């Protein structure tokens, strides 16, 4: 597993200084509104945009450098980080420009400690990991690209999870579950035992649920359809499901897919939204099962979820002196 073993974050939003913070296989962040839980998850979104060479677009969408630097450039002149994973490390520093961009002060990837490394001089505006001819940078990019942030908050009428999409859109479950129906069909055809486990788990939380509709043939487009238990002849669309049930379906599909398809590190922001306490208990059990082989980082406000976990799994986030602090307690 190449999940994150420890990380340092300096000057990012509410996180003024977080040094050499260790991460386990299961990490559940809890704290008050505005403490910094979502900023911790958001850092990994930033990291994904960096490695995906989409930093400049992301910075502008977020509102420019001052929206990402701790209290803006008047207080913080550099956003830097070091991420350690499987004996490897990736480090970078970003500084603001007068034309409202963030550019690299430096970027550094090391593989297998300090024996093999790659350093990129500053001044570039997109990561050099993927474009370098050095295989160590490319290896770092491949590892980091397998850390994925998921957010299943949008279940409104126009949510992508409820729309038609290409049936071949199955390379991986999208971060907002926009390809959920196609992904479930892929699991139904290629991994029937995992598909059935997903269906059985959904029935624990939603006893009325029968199955997903898998229409015959090979359509170009598909949308999420399901049947009610005992009413297999009447298909329903996704918009009939409650928000909580639809979110749980997304979570179950993500977490109960075959292990080889799962990202090495899975980040989920507030998975408890709209869930009944019994569903949260089921979800906690799934978290513990997944964490046996993969890394989970979860932000929550759910006391019910935390009560199902060991103290060592919980990271308490608080605000001290206008900055986020992170503490992991022992039993």
C-alpha atoms as a PDB file:
ATOM      1  CA  UNK A   1       0.000   0.000   0.000  1.00  0.00           C
ATOM      2  CA  UNK A   2       1.328   3.456  -0.899  1.00  0.00           C
ATOM      3  CA  UNK A   3      -0.923   5.580   1.294  1.00  0.00           C
ATOM      4  CA  UNK A   4       0.344   8.627   3.160  1.00  0.00           C
ATOM      5  CA  UNK A   5       2.515   7.820   6.185  1.00  0.00           C
ATOM      6  CA  UNK A   6       3.005  11.427   7.302  1.00  0.00           C
ATOM      7  CA  UNK A   7       2.674  14.933   5.975  1.00  0.00           C
ATOM      8  CA  UNK A   8       3.705  18.507   6.596  1.00  0.00           C
ATOM      9  CA  UNK A   9       1.489  21.400   5.483  1.00  0.00           C
ATOM     10  CA  UNK A  10       2.571  25.022   5.875  1.00  0.00           C
ATOM     11  CA  UNK A  11       0.539  28.129   5.036  1.00  0.00           C
ATOM     12  CA  UNK A  12      -2.553  26.508   3.518  1.00  0.00           C
ATOM     13  CA  UNK A  13      -5.870  28.181   4.389  1.00  0.00           C
ATOM     14  CA  UNK A  14      -6.510  27.659   8.124  1.00  0.00           C
ATOM     15  CA  UNK A  15      -3.523  25.302   8.446  1.00  0.00           C
ATOM     16  CA  UNK A  16      -0.675  27.602   9.385  1.00  0.00           C
ATOM     17  CA  UNK A  17       1.737  24.871  10.473  1.00  0.00           C
ATOM     18  CA  UNK A  18       1.299  21.097  10.588  1.00  0.00           C
ATOM     19  CA  UNK A  19       4.616  19.282  10.853  1.00  0.00           C
ATOM     20  CA  UNK A  20       5.355  15.580  10.368  1.00  0.00           C
ATOM     21  CA  UNK A  21       1.805  14.551  11.228  1.00  0.00           C
ATOM     22  CA  UNK A  22       1.456  10.733  11.093  1.00  0.00           C
ATOM     23  CA  UNK A  23      -1.484   9.082   9.377  1.00  0.00           C
ATOM     24  CA  UNK A  24      -2.785   5.570  10.005  1.00  0.00           C
ATOM     25  CA  UNK A  25      -4.887   3.348   7.774  1.00  0.00           C
ATOM     26  CA  UNK A  26      -8.055   4.816   9.314  1.00  0.00           C
ATOM     27  CA  UNK A  27      -8.155   8.542  10.104  1.00  0.00           C
ATOM     28  CA  UNK A  28     -11.427  10.227  11.076  1.00  0.00           C
ATOM     29  CA  UNK A  29     -11.293  13.979  11.621  1.00  0.00           C
ATOM     30  CA  UNK A  30     -13.873  15.516  13.946  1.00  0.00           C
ATOM     31  CA  UNK A  31     -14.247  19.085  15.174  1.00  0.00           C
ATOM     32  CA  UNK A  32     -16.433  22.165  15.247  1.00  0.00           C
ATOM     33  CA  UNK A  33     -17.569  24.059  12.168  1.00  0.00           C
ATOM     34  CA  UNK A  34     -14.661  26.076  10.814  1.00  0.00           C
ATOM     35  CA  UNK A  35     -12.028  24.125  12.727  1.00  0.00           C
ATOM     36  CA  UNK A  36     -10.261  23.050   9.549  1.00  0.00           C
ATOM     37  CA  UNK A  37     -11.455  19.498   8.797  1.00  0.00           C
ATOM     38  CA  UNK A  38     -12.551  20.310   5.252  1.00  0.00           C
ATOM     39  CA  UNK A  39      -9.339  22.257   4.652  1.00  0.00           C
ATOM     40  CA  UNK A  40      -7.362  19.111   5.474  1.00  0.00           C
ATOM     41  CA  UNK A  41      -9.388  17.181   2.874  1.00  0.00           C
ATOM     42  CA  UNK A  42      -9.141  20.171   0.523  1.00  0.00           C
ATOM     43  CA  UNK A  43      -5.346  20.023   0.633  1.00  0.00           C
ATOM     44  CA  UNK A  44      -5.538  16.655  -1.124  1.00  0.00           C
ATOM     45  CA  UNK A  45      -7.766  18.218  -3.801  1.00  0.00           C
ATOM     46  CA  UNK A  46      -5.040  20.822  -4.302  1.00  0.00           C
ATOM     47  CA  UNK A  47      -2.459  18.038  -4.485  1.00  0.00           C
ATOM     48  CA  UNK A  48      -4.493  16.217  -7.142  1.00  0.00           C
ATOM     49  CA  UNK A  49      -4.719  19.405  -9.219  1.00  0.00           C
ATOM     50  CA  UNK A  50      -0.968  19.938  -8.889  1.00  0.00           C
ATOM     51  CA  UNK A  51      -0.085  16.430 -10.057  1.00  0.00           C
ATOM     52  CA  UNK A  52      -2.751  16.622 -12.776  1.00  0.00           C
ATOM     53  CA  UNK A  53      -1.078  19.817 -14.091  1.00  0.00           C
ATOM     54  CA  UNK A  54      -4.215  21.846 -13.503  1.00  0.00           C
ATOM     55  CA  UNK A  55      -2.904  24.123 -10.761  1.00  0.00           C
ATOM     56  CA  UNK A  56      -3.455  27.487 -12.455  1.00  0.00           C
ATOM     57  CA  UNK A  57      -7.081  26.800 -13.367  1.00  0.00           C
ATOM     58  CA  UNK A  58      -7.729  25.504  -9.839  1.00  0.00           C
ATOM     59  CA  UNK A  59      -6.155  28.575  -8.208  1.00  0.00           C
ATOM     60  CA  UNK A  60      -8.339  30.919 -10.252  1.00  0.00           C
ATOM     61  CA  UNK A  61     -11.491  28.908  -9.528  1.00  0.00           C
ATOM     62  CA  UNK A  62     -10.708  29.110  -5.806  1.00  0.00           C
ATOM     63  CA  UNK A  63     -10.390  32.907  -5.955  1.00  0.00           C
ATOM     64  CA  UNK A  64      -6.658  33.360  -6.486  1.00  0.00           C
ATOM     65  CA  UNK A  65      -3.606  32.827  -4.249  1.00  0.00           C
ATOM     66  CA  UNK A  66      -5.007  34.831  -1.330  1.00  0.00           C
ATOM     67  CA  UNK A  67      -7.860  32.321  -0.981  1.00  0.00           C
ATOM     68  CA  UNK A  68      -5.363  29.483  -0.535  1.00  0.00           C
ATOM     69  CA  UNK A  69      -2.581  31.119   1.487  1.00  0.00           C
ATOM     70  CA  UNK A  70      -3.080  31.324   5.271  1.00  0.00           C
ATOM     71  CA  UNK A  71      -4.725  34.768   5.744  1.00  0.00           C
ATOM     72  CA  UNK A  72      -3.502  35.795   2.289  1.00  0.00           C
ATOM     73  CA  UNK A  73      -0.117  36.899   0.977  1.00  0.00           C
ATOM     74  CA  UNK A  74       0.122  39.789   3.436  1.00  0.00           C
ATOM     75  CA  UNK A  75       0.533  37.201   6.204  1.00  0.00           C
ATOM     76  CA  UNK A  76       1.841  34.130   4.352  1.00  0.00           C
ATOM     77  CA  UNK A  77       4.290  34.354   1.457  1.00  0.00           C
ATOM     78  CA  UNK A  78       4.608  30.620   0.708  1.00  0.00           C
ATOM     79  CA  UNK A  79       2.449  27.503   0.690  1.00  0.00           C
ATOM     80  CA  UNK A  80       4.623  24.425   1.149  1.00  0.00           C
ATOM     81  CA  UNK A  81       4.187  20.763   1.928  1.00  0.00           C
ATOM     82  CA  UNK A  82       5.973  17.453   2.261  1.00  0.00           C
ATOM     83  CA  UNK A  83       4.105  14.185   1.791  1.00  0.00           C
ATOM     84  CA  UNK A  84       5.749  10.913   2.803  1.00  0.00           C
ATOM     85  CA  UNK A  85       4.438   7.590   1.497  1.00  0.00           C
ATOM     86  CA  UNK A  86       5.854   4.051   1.263  1.00  0.00           C
ATOM     87  CA  UNK A  87       9.405   5.263   1.873  1.00  0.00           C
ATOM     88  CA  UNK A  88       9.067   7.980  -0.763  1.00  0.00           C
ATOM     89  CA  UNK A  89       8.459  11.719  -0.494  1.00  0.00           C
ATOM     90  CA  UNK A  90       7.106  14.628  -2.525  1.00  0.00           C
ATOM     91  CA  UNK A  91       7.864  18.219  -1.518  1.00  0.00           C
ATOM     92  CA  UNK A  92       6.869  21.507  -3.056  1.00  0.00           C
ATOM     93  CA  UNK A  93       6.723  25.227  -2.339  1.00  0.00           C
ATOM     94  CA  UNK A  94       4.322  27.647  -4.042  1.00  0.00           C
ATOM     95  CA  UNK A  95       4.602  31.432  -4.035  1.00  0.00           C
ATOM     96  CA  UNK A  96       2.125  34.085  -5.292  1.00  0.00           C
ATOM     97  CA  UNK A  97       2.830  36.294  -8.298  1.00  0.00           C
ATOM     98  CA  UNK A  98       1.751  39.846  -9.074  1.00  0.00           C
ATOM     99  CA  UNK A  99      -0.561  38.543 -11.787  1.00  0.00           C
ATOM    100  CA  UNK A 100      -2.489  36.456  -9.263  1.00  0.00           C
ATOM    101  CA  UNK A 101      -1.001  33.009  -9.844  1.00  0.00           C
ATOM    102  CA  UNK A 102       0.836  30.491  -7.697  1.00  0.00           C
ATOM    103  CA  UNK A 103       4.131  29.255  -9.144  1.00  0.00           C
ATOM    104  CA  UNK A 104       6.634  26.738  -7.868  1.00  0.00           C
ATOM    105  CA  UNK A 105       9.460  27.985  -5.705  1.00  0.00           C
ATOM    106  CA  UNK A 106      10.765  24.411  -5.764  1.00  0.00           C
ATOM    107  CA  UNK A 107       9.549  20.863  -6.384  1.00  0.00           C
ATOM    108  CA  UNK A 108      11.258  17.687  -5.250  1.00  0.00           C
ATOM    109  CA  UNK A 109      10.420  13.988  -5.483  1.00  0.00           C
ATOM    110  CA  UNK A 110      12.446  11.257  -3.806  1.00  0.00           C
ATOM    111  CA  UNK A 111      11.991   7.551  -4.313  1.00  0.00           C
ATOM    112  CA  UNK A 112      13.234   4.996  -1.792  1.00  0.00           C
ATOM    113  CA  UNK A 113      14.588   7.575   0.592  1.00  0.00           C
ATOM    114  CA  UNK A 114      17.434   9.758  -0.643  1.00  0.00           C
ATOM    115  CA  UNK A 115      18.990   7.127  -2.892  1.00  0.00           C
ATOM    116  CA  UNK A 116      17.025   8.182  -5.957  1.00  0.00           C
ATOM    117  CA  UNK A 117      15.609  11.654  -6.276  1.00  0.00           C
ATOM    118  CA  UNK A 118      14.563  14.323  -8.713  1.00  0.00           C
ATOM    119  CA  UNK A 119      14.729  18.065  -8.084  1.00  0.00           C
ATOM    120  CA  UNK A 120      13.069  20.689 -10.256  1.00  0.00           C
ATOM    121  CA  UNK A 121      14.123  24.311 -10.091  1.00  0.00           C
ATOM    122  CA  UNK A 122      11.497  26.894  -9.310  1.00  0.00           C
ATOM    123  CA  UNK A 123       9.634  29.215 -11.641  1.00  0.00           C
ATOM    124  CA  UNK A 124       7.415  26.702 -13.420  1.00  0.00           C
ATOM    125  CA  UNK A 125       3.657  27.158 -13.138  1.00  0.00           C
ATOM    126  CA  UNK A 126       2.645  23.496 -13.457  1.00  0.00           C
ATOM    127  CA  UNK A 127       4.158  20.410 -11.835  1.00  0.00           C
ATOM    128  CA  UNK A 128       7.128  18.851 -13.614  1.00  0.00           C
ATOM    129  CA  UNK A 129       6.467  15.358 -12.232  1.00  0.00           C
ATOM    130  CA  UNK A 130       4.677  13.967 -15.286  1.00  0.00           C
ATOM    131  CA  UNK A 131       6.705  15.794 -17.907  1.00  0.00           C
ATOM    132  CA  UNK A 132      10.143  14.913 -16.585  1.00  0.00           C
ATOM    133  CA  UNK A 133      12.117  12.206 -18.359  1.00  0.00           C
ATOM    134  CA  UNK A 134      13.275  11.033 -14.958  1.00  0.00           C
ATOM    135  CA  UNK A 135      11.238   7.919 -14.071  1.00  0.00           C
ATOM    136  CA  UNK A 136      11.294   8.754 -10.355  1.00  0.00           C
ATOM    137  CA  UNK A 137       9.181  11.857 -10.861  1.00  0.00           C
ATOM    138  CA  UNK A 138       6.758   9.904 -13.012  1.00  0.00           C
ATOM    139  CA  UNK A 139       6.571   7.190 -10.355  1.00  0.00           C
ATOM    140  CA  UNK A 140       5.746   9.803  -7.723  1.00  0.00           C
ATOM    141  CA  UNK A 141       2.990  11.224  -9.958  1.00  0.00           C
ATOM    142  CA  UNK A 142       1.507   7.756 -10.467  1.00  0.00           C
ATOM    143  CA  UNK A 143       1.414   7.087  -6.717  1.00  0.00           C
ATOM    144  CA  UNK A 144      -0.103  10.448  -5.785  1.00  0.00           C
ATOM    145  CA  UNK A 145      -2.692  10.153  -8.567  1.00  0.00           C
ATOM    146  CA  UNK A 146      -4.026   7.091  -6.743  1.00  0.00           C
ATOM    147  CA  UNK A 147      -5.161   9.182  -3.748  1.00  0.00           C
ATOM    148  CA  UNK A 148      -8.747  10.204  -4.449  1.00  0.00           C
ATOM    149  CA  UNK A 149     -11.132  12.668  -2.799  1.00  0.00           C
ATOM    150  CA  UNK A 150     -14.866  11.795  -2.965  1.00  0.00           C
ATOM    151  CA  UNK A 151     -17.795  14.072  -2.197  1.00  0.00           C
ATOM    152  CA  UNK A 152     -21.343  12.796  -2.621  1.00  0.00           C
ATOM    153  CA  UNK A 153     -23.055  15.950  -1.317  1.00  0.00           C
ATOM    154  CA  UNK A 154     -24.926  16.908  -4.487  1.00  0.00           C
ATOM    155  CA  UNK A 155     -28.128  14.874  -4.720  1.00  0.00           C
ATOM    156  CA  UNK A 156     -30.352  17.670  -6.079  1.00  0.00           C
ATOM    157  CA  UNK A 157     -32.519  17.446  -9.172  1.00  0.00           C
ATOM    158  CA  UNK A 158     -29.615  18.322 -11.456  1.00  0.00           C
ATOM    159  CA  UNK A 159     -26.995  16.175  -9.707  1.00  0.00           C
ATOM    160  CA  UNK A 160     -24.746  14.336 -12.150  1.00  0.00           C
ATOM    161  CA  UNK A 161     -25.391  11.030 -10.379  1.00  0.00           C
ATOM    162  CA  UNK A 162     -29.003  11.250 -11.591  1.00  0.00           C
ATOM    163  CA  UNK A 163     -28.177  12.041 -15.225  1.00  0.00           C
ATOM    164  CA  UNK A 164     -27.613   9.797 -18.239  1.00  0.00           C
ATOM    165  CA  UNK A 165     -23.975   9.038 -18.989  1.00  0.00           C
ATOM    166  CA  UNK A 166     -21.873   6.829 -21.269  1.00  0.00           C
ATOM    167  CA  UNK A 167     -22.073   3.152 -20.377  1.00  0.00           C
ATOM    168  CA  UNK A 168     -18.329   2.729 -21.016  1.00  0.00           C
ATOM    169  CA  UNK A 169     -17.387   5.412 -18.449  1.00  0.00           C
ATOM    170  CA  UNK A 170     -16.039   2.825 -16.003  1.00  0.00           C
ATOM    171  CA  UNK A 171     -12.306   3.413 -15.592  1.00  0.00           C
ATOM    172  CA  UNK A 172     -12.940   4.450 -11.987  1.00  0.00           C
ATOM    173  CA  UNK A 173     -15.838   5.724  -9.906  1.00  0.00           C
ATOM    174  CA  UNK A 174     -15.867   9.498 -10.318  1.00  0.00           C
ATOM    175  CA  UNK A 175     -15.418  11.746  -7.293  1.00  0.00           C
ATOM    176  CA  UNK A 176     -19.088  12.838  -7.409  1.00  0.00           C
ATOM    177  CA  UNK A 177     -20.395   9.420  -8.556  1.00  0.00           C
ATOM    178  CA  UNK A 178     -21.391  10.940 -11.917  1.00  0.00           C
ATOM    179  CA  UNK A 179     -20.861   7.519 -13.564  1.00  0.00           C
ATOM    180  CA  UNK A 180     -22.517   5.441 -10.818  1.00  0.00           C
ATOM    181  CA  UNK A 181     -24.941   3.526 -13.059  1.00  0.00           C
ATOM    182  CA  UNK A 182     -22.226   2.581 -15.566  1.00  0.00           C
ATOM    183  CA  UNK A 183     -19.871   1.572 -12.752  1.00  0.00           C
ATOM    184  CA  UNK A 184     -22.509  -0.643 -11.132  1.00  0.00           C
ATOM    185  CA  UNK A 185     -23.183  -2.290 -14.505  1.00  0.00           C
ATOM    186  CA  UNK A 186     -19.445  -2.983 -14.882  1.00  0.00           C
ATOM    187  CA  UNK A 187     -19.385  -4.592 -11.431  1.00  0.00           C
ATOM    188  CA  UNK A 188     -22.547  -6.579 -12.249  1.00  0.00           C
ATOM    189  CA  UNK A 189     -20.912  -8.031 -15.364  1.00  0.00           C
ATOM    190  CA  UNK A 190     -17.333  -8.416 -14.184  1.00  0.00           C
ATOM    191  CA  UNK A 191     -17.462  -8.770 -10.385  1.00  0.00           C
ATOM    192  CA  UNK A 192     -20.834 -10.349  -9.554  1.00  0.00           C
ATOM    193  CA  UNK A 193     -19.970 -11.281  -5.953  1.00  0.00           C
ATOM    194  CA  UNK A 194     -18.897  -7.711  -5.131  1.00  0.00           C
ATOM    195  CA  UNK A 195     -21.965  -6.346  -6.891  1.00  0.00           C
ATOM    196  CA  UNK A 196     -24.209  -8.597  -4.806  1.00  0.00           C
ATOM    197  CA  UNK A 197     -22.473  -7.530  -1.604  1.00  0.00           C
ATOM    198  CA  UNK A 198     -23.190  -3.894  -2.491  1.00  0.00           C
ATOM    199  CA  UNK A 199     -26.871  -4.691  -3.090  1.00  0.00           C
ATOM    200  CA  UNK A 200     -27.150  -6.711   0.136  1.00  0.00           C
ATOM    201  CA  UNK A 201     -25.535  -3.893   2.149  1.00  0.00           C
ATOM    202  CA  UNK A 202     -27.909  -1.303   0.678  1.00  0.00           C
ATOM    203  CA  UNK A 203     -30.834  -3.522   1.704  1.00  0.00           C
ATOM    204  CA  UNK A 204     -29.608  -3.446   5.321  1.00  0.00           C
ATOM    205  CA  UNK A 205     -30.036   0.329   5.325  1.00  0.00           C
ATOM    206  CA  UNK A 206     -32.999   0.529   2.916  1.00  0.00           C
ATOM    207  CA  UNK A 207     -35.093  -2.661   3.374  1.00  0.00           C
ATOM    208  CA  UNK A 208     -37.466  -1.568   0.572  1.00  0.00           C
ATOM    209  CA  UNK A 209     -34.640  -1.728  -1.994  1.00  0.00           C
ATOM    210  CA  UNK A 210     -34.795  -4.604  -4.460  1.00  0.00           C
ATOM    211  CA  UNK A 211     -32.004  -4.308  -7.031  1.00  0.00           C
ATOM    212  CA  UNK A 212     -30.566  -2.070  -9.715  1.00  0.00           C
ATOM    213  CA  UNK A 213     -32.062  -2.426 -13.176  1.00  0.00           C
ATOM    214  CA  UNK A 214     -29.647  -3.963 -15.687  1.00  0.00           C
ATOM    215  CA  UNK A 215     -31.307  -3.686 -19.071  1.00  0.00           C
ATOM    216  CA  UNK A 216     -30.298  -6.274 -21.707  1.00  0.00           C
ATOM    217  CA  UNK A 217     -28.133  -5.392 -24.682  1.00  0.00           C
ATOM    218  CA  UNK A 218     -25.283  -2.922 -24.953  1.00  0.00           C
ATOM    219  CA  UNK A 219     -26.691   0.609 -24.735  1.00  0.00           C
ATOM    220  CA  UNK A 220     -24.469   3.623 -25.371  1.00  0.00           C
ATOM    221  CA  UNK A 221     -25.953   5.539 -22.439  1.00  0.00           C
ATOM    222  CA  UNK A 222     -27.307   4.521 -19.075  1.00  0.00           C
ATOM    223  CA  UNK A 223     -28.895   6.092 -16.005  1.00  0.00           C
ATOM    224  CA  UNK A 224     -29.454   4.830 -12.489  1.00  0.00           C
ATOM    225  CA  UNK A 225     -32.617   2.733 -12.198  1.00  0.00           C
ATOM    226  CA  UNK A 226     -33.768   0.482  -9.396  1.00  0.00           C
ATOM    227  CA  UNK A 227     -36.688  -1.655  -8.295  1.00  0.00           C
ATOM    228  CA  UNK A 228     -38.518  -1.935  -5.010  1.00  0.00           C
ATOM    229  CA  UNK A 229     -38.490  -5.220  -3.158  1.00  0.00           C
ATOM    230  CA  UNK A 230     -41.332  -7.426  -4.390  1.00  0.00           C
ATOM    231  CA  UNK A 231     -41.988  -5.113  -7.352  1.00  0.00           C
ATOM    232  CA  UNK A 232     -39.399  -6.224  -9.891  1.00  0.00           C
ATOM    233  CA  UNK A 233     -41.547  -5.198 -12.882  1.00  0.00           C
ATOM    234  CA  UNK A 234     -41.609  -1.478 -12.037  1.00  0.00           C
ATOM    235  CA  UNK A 235     -38.341   0.464 -12.449  1.00  0.00           C
ATOM    236  CA  UNK A 236     -37.768   3.717 -10.589  1.00  0.00           C
ATOM    237  CA  UNK A 237     -35.333   6.515 -11.388  1.00  0.00           C
ATOM    238  CA  UNK A 238     -32.715   7.870  -8.993  1.00  0.00           C
ATOM    239  CA  UNK A 239     -34.771  10.980  -8.188  1.00  0.00           C
ATOM    240  CA  UNK A 240     -37.278   8.803  -6.265  1.00  0.00           C
ATOM    241  CA  UNK A 241     -34.582   7.860  -3.728  1.00  0.00           C
ATOM    242  CA  UNK A 242     -34.107   9.997  -0.623  1.00  0.00           C
ATOM    243  CA  UNK A 243     -30.889  12.011  -0.466  1.00  0.00           C
ATOM    244  CA  UNK A 244     -29.536   9.854   2.353  1.00  0.00           C
ATOM    245  CA  UNK A 245     -30.273   6.591   0.545  1.00  0.00           C
ATOM    246  CA  UNK A 246     -28.644   7.803  -2.657  1.00  0.00           C
ATOM    247  CA  UNK A 247     -25.546   8.943  -0.768  1.00  0.00           C
ATOM    248  CA  UNK A 248     -25.314   5.579   0.979  1.00  0.00           C
ATOM    249  CA  UNK A 249     -25.545   3.814  -2.403  1.00  0.00           C
ATOM    250  CA  UNK A 250     -22.629   5.941  -3.613  1.00  0.00           C
ATOM    251  CA  UNK A 251     -20.604   5.134  -0.482  1.00  0.00           C
ATOM    252  CA  UNK A 252     -21.361   1.406  -0.641  1.00  0.00           C
ATOM    253  CA  UNK A 253     -20.375   1.250  -4.311  1.00  0.00           C
ATOM    254  CA  UNK A 254     -17.130   3.088  -3.624  1.00  0.00           C
ATOM    255  CA  UNK A 255     -16.063   1.139  -0.558  1.00  0.00           C
ATOM    256  CA  UNK A 256     -17.288  -2.373  -1.438  1.00  0.00           C
ATOM    257  CA  UNK A 257     -15.878  -2.548  -4.960  1.00  0.00           C
ATOM    258  CA  UNK A 258     -13.024  -5.038  -5.528  1.00  0.00           C
ATOM    259  CA  UNK A 259      -9.901  -4.200  -3.580  1.00  0.00           C
ATOM    260  CA  UNK A 260      -7.766  -4.012  -6.719  1.00  0.00           C
ATOM    261  CA  UNK A 261      -9.984  -1.208  -8.076  1.00  0.00           C
ATOM    262  CA  UNK A 262      -9.855   0.903  -4.920  1.00  0.00           C
ATOM    263  CA  UNK A 263      -7.495   3.897  -4.657  1.00  0.00           C
ATOM    264  CA  UNK A 264      -4.622   3.491  -2.203  1.00  0.00           C
ATOM    265  CA  UNK A 265      -5.905   6.465  -0.192  1.00  0.00           C
ATOM    266  CA  UNK A 266      -9.614   7.338  -0.085  1.00  0.00           C
ATOM    267  CA  UNK A 267     -10.711  10.724   1.270  1.00  0.00           C
ATOM    268  CA  UNK A 268     -14.385  11.395   2.051  1.00  0.00           C
ATOM    269  CA  UNK A 269     -15.853  14.652   3.335  1.00  0.00           C
ATOM    270  CA  UNK A 270     -18.869  14.337   5.693  1.00  0.00           C
ATOM    271  CA  UNK A 271     -20.148  10.909   4.591  1.00  0.00           C
ATOM    272  CA  UNK A 272     -22.837  10.953   7.296  1.00  0.00           C
ATOM    273  CA  UNK A 273     -25.004  13.605   5.594  1.00  0.00           C
ATOM    274  CA  UNK A 274     -28.627  12.450   5.553  1.00  0.00           C
ATOM    275  CA  UNK A 275     -27.854   9.023   7.007  1.00  0.00           C
ATOM    276  CA  UNK A 276     -29.879   7.324   9.747  1.00  0.00           C
ATOM    277  CA  UNK A 277     -27.818   6.348  12.847  1.00  0.00           C
ATOM    278  CA  UNK A 278     -28.123   2.662  11.886  1.00  0.00           C
ATOM    279  CA  UNK A 279     -26.712   3.448   8.439  1.00  0.00           C
ATOM    280  CA  UNK A 280     -23.816   5.283  10.110  1.00  0.00           C
ATOM    281  CA  UNK A 281     -23.121   2.176  12.201  1.00  0.00           C
ATOM    282  CA  UNK A 282     -23.037   0.035   9.050  1.00  0.00           C
ATOM    283  CA  UNK A 283     -20.756   2.598   7.395  1.00  0.00           C
ATOM    284  CA  UNK A 284     -18.334   2.518  10.342  1.00  0.00           C
ATOM    285  CA  UNK A 285     -18.041  -1.267   9.983  1.00  0.00           C
ATOM    286  CA  UNK A 286     -17.283  -0.847   6.281  1.00  0.00           C
ATOM    287  CA  UNK A 287     -14.637   1.771   7.078  1.00  0.00           C
ATOM    288  CA  UNK A 288     -12.887  -0.647   9.421  1.00  0.00           C
ATOM    289  CA  UNK A 289     -12.969  -3.440   6.838  1.00  0.00           C
ATOM    290  CA  UNK A 290     -11.573  -1.243   4.060  1.00  0.00           C
ATOM    291  CA  UNK A 291      -8.841   0.117   6.355  1.00  0.00           C
ATOM    292  CA  UNK A 292      -7.399  -3.369   6.704  1.00  0.00           C
ATOM    293  CA  UNK A 293      -5.840  -3.001   3.231  1.00  0.00           C
ATOM    294  CA  UNK A 294      -6.355   0.637   2.157  1.00  0.00           C
ATOM    295  CA  UNK A 295      -6.053   4.075   3.753  1.00  0.00           C
ATOM    296  CA  UNK A 296      -9.137   6.099   4.662  1.00  0.00           C
ATOM    297  CA  UNK A 297      -9.200   9.783   5.624  1.00  0.00           C
ATOM    298  CA  UNK A 298     -12.681  10.961   6.610  1.00  0.00           C
ATOM    299  CA  UNK A 299     -13.996  14.327   7.795  1.00  0.00           C
ATOM    300  CA  UNK A 300     -17.127  14.137   9.946  1.00  0.00           C
ATOM    301  CA  UNK A 301     -19.322  15.878  12.487  1.00  0.00           C
ATOM    302  CA  UNK A 302     -21.074  12.655  13.460  1.00  0.00           C
ATOM    303  CA  UNK A 303     -20.781  11.596  17.092  1.00  0.00           C
ATOM    304  CA  UNK A 304     -22.487   8.308  16.113  1.00  0.00           C
ATOM    305  CA  UNK A 305     -19.670   7.544  13.676  1.00  0.00           C
ATOM    306  CA  UNK A 306     -16.896   8.406  16.129  1.00  0.00           C
ATOM    307  CA  UNK A 307     -18.529   6.270  18.831  1.00  0.00           C
ATOM    308  CA  UNK A 308     -18.106   3.224  16.566  1.00  0.00           C
ATOM    309  CA  UNK A 309     -14.341   3.711  16.254  1.00  0.00           C
ATOM    310  CA  UNK A 310     -11.236   3.282  18.377  1.00  0.00           C
ATOM    311  CA  UNK A 311      -9.754   6.466  19.903  1.00  0.00           C
ATOM    312  CA  UNK A 312      -6.591   5.929  17.848  1.00  0.00           C
ATOM    313  CA  UNK A 313      -8.666   6.262  14.658  1.00  0.00           C
ATOM    314  CA  UNK A 314      -9.878   9.756  15.601  1.00  0.00           C
ATOM    315  CA  UNK A 315      -8.132  13.075  14.930  1.00  0.00           C
ATOM    316  CA  UNK A 316      -9.593  16.044  16.804  1.00  0.00           C
ATOM    317  CA  UNK A 317      -9.382  19.334  14.893  1.00  0.00           C
ATOM    318  CA  UNK A 318      -9.586  22.625  16.753  1.00  0.00           C
ATOM    319  CA  UNK A 319      -8.695  26.298  16.338  1.00  0.00           C
ATOM    320  CA  UNK A 320      -5.898  27.802  18.427  1.00  0.00           C
ATOM    321  CA  UNK A 321      -4.531  31.299  17.807  1.00  0.00           C
ATOM    322  CA  UNK A 322      -6.466  31.557  14.532  1.00  0.00           C
ATOM    323  CA  UNK A 323      -5.009  28.362  13.095  1.00  0.00           C
ATOM    324  CA  UNK A 324      -6.083  24.718  12.844  1.00  0.00           C
ATOM    325  CA  UNK A 325      -4.453  22.215  15.173  1.00  0.00           C
ATOM    326  CA  UNK A 326      -4.706  18.436  14.844  1.00  0.00           C
ATOM    327  CA  UNK A 327      -4.431  16.001  17.752  1.00  0.00           C
ATOM    328  CA  UNK A 328      -4.690  12.230  17.834  1.00  0.00           C
ATOM    329  CA  UNK A 329      -5.522  10.789  21.249  1.00  0.00           C
ATOM    330  CA  UNK A 330      -4.695   7.390  22.702  1.00  0.00           C
ATOM    331  CA  UNK A 331      -7.160   5.126  24.483  1.00  0.00           C
END
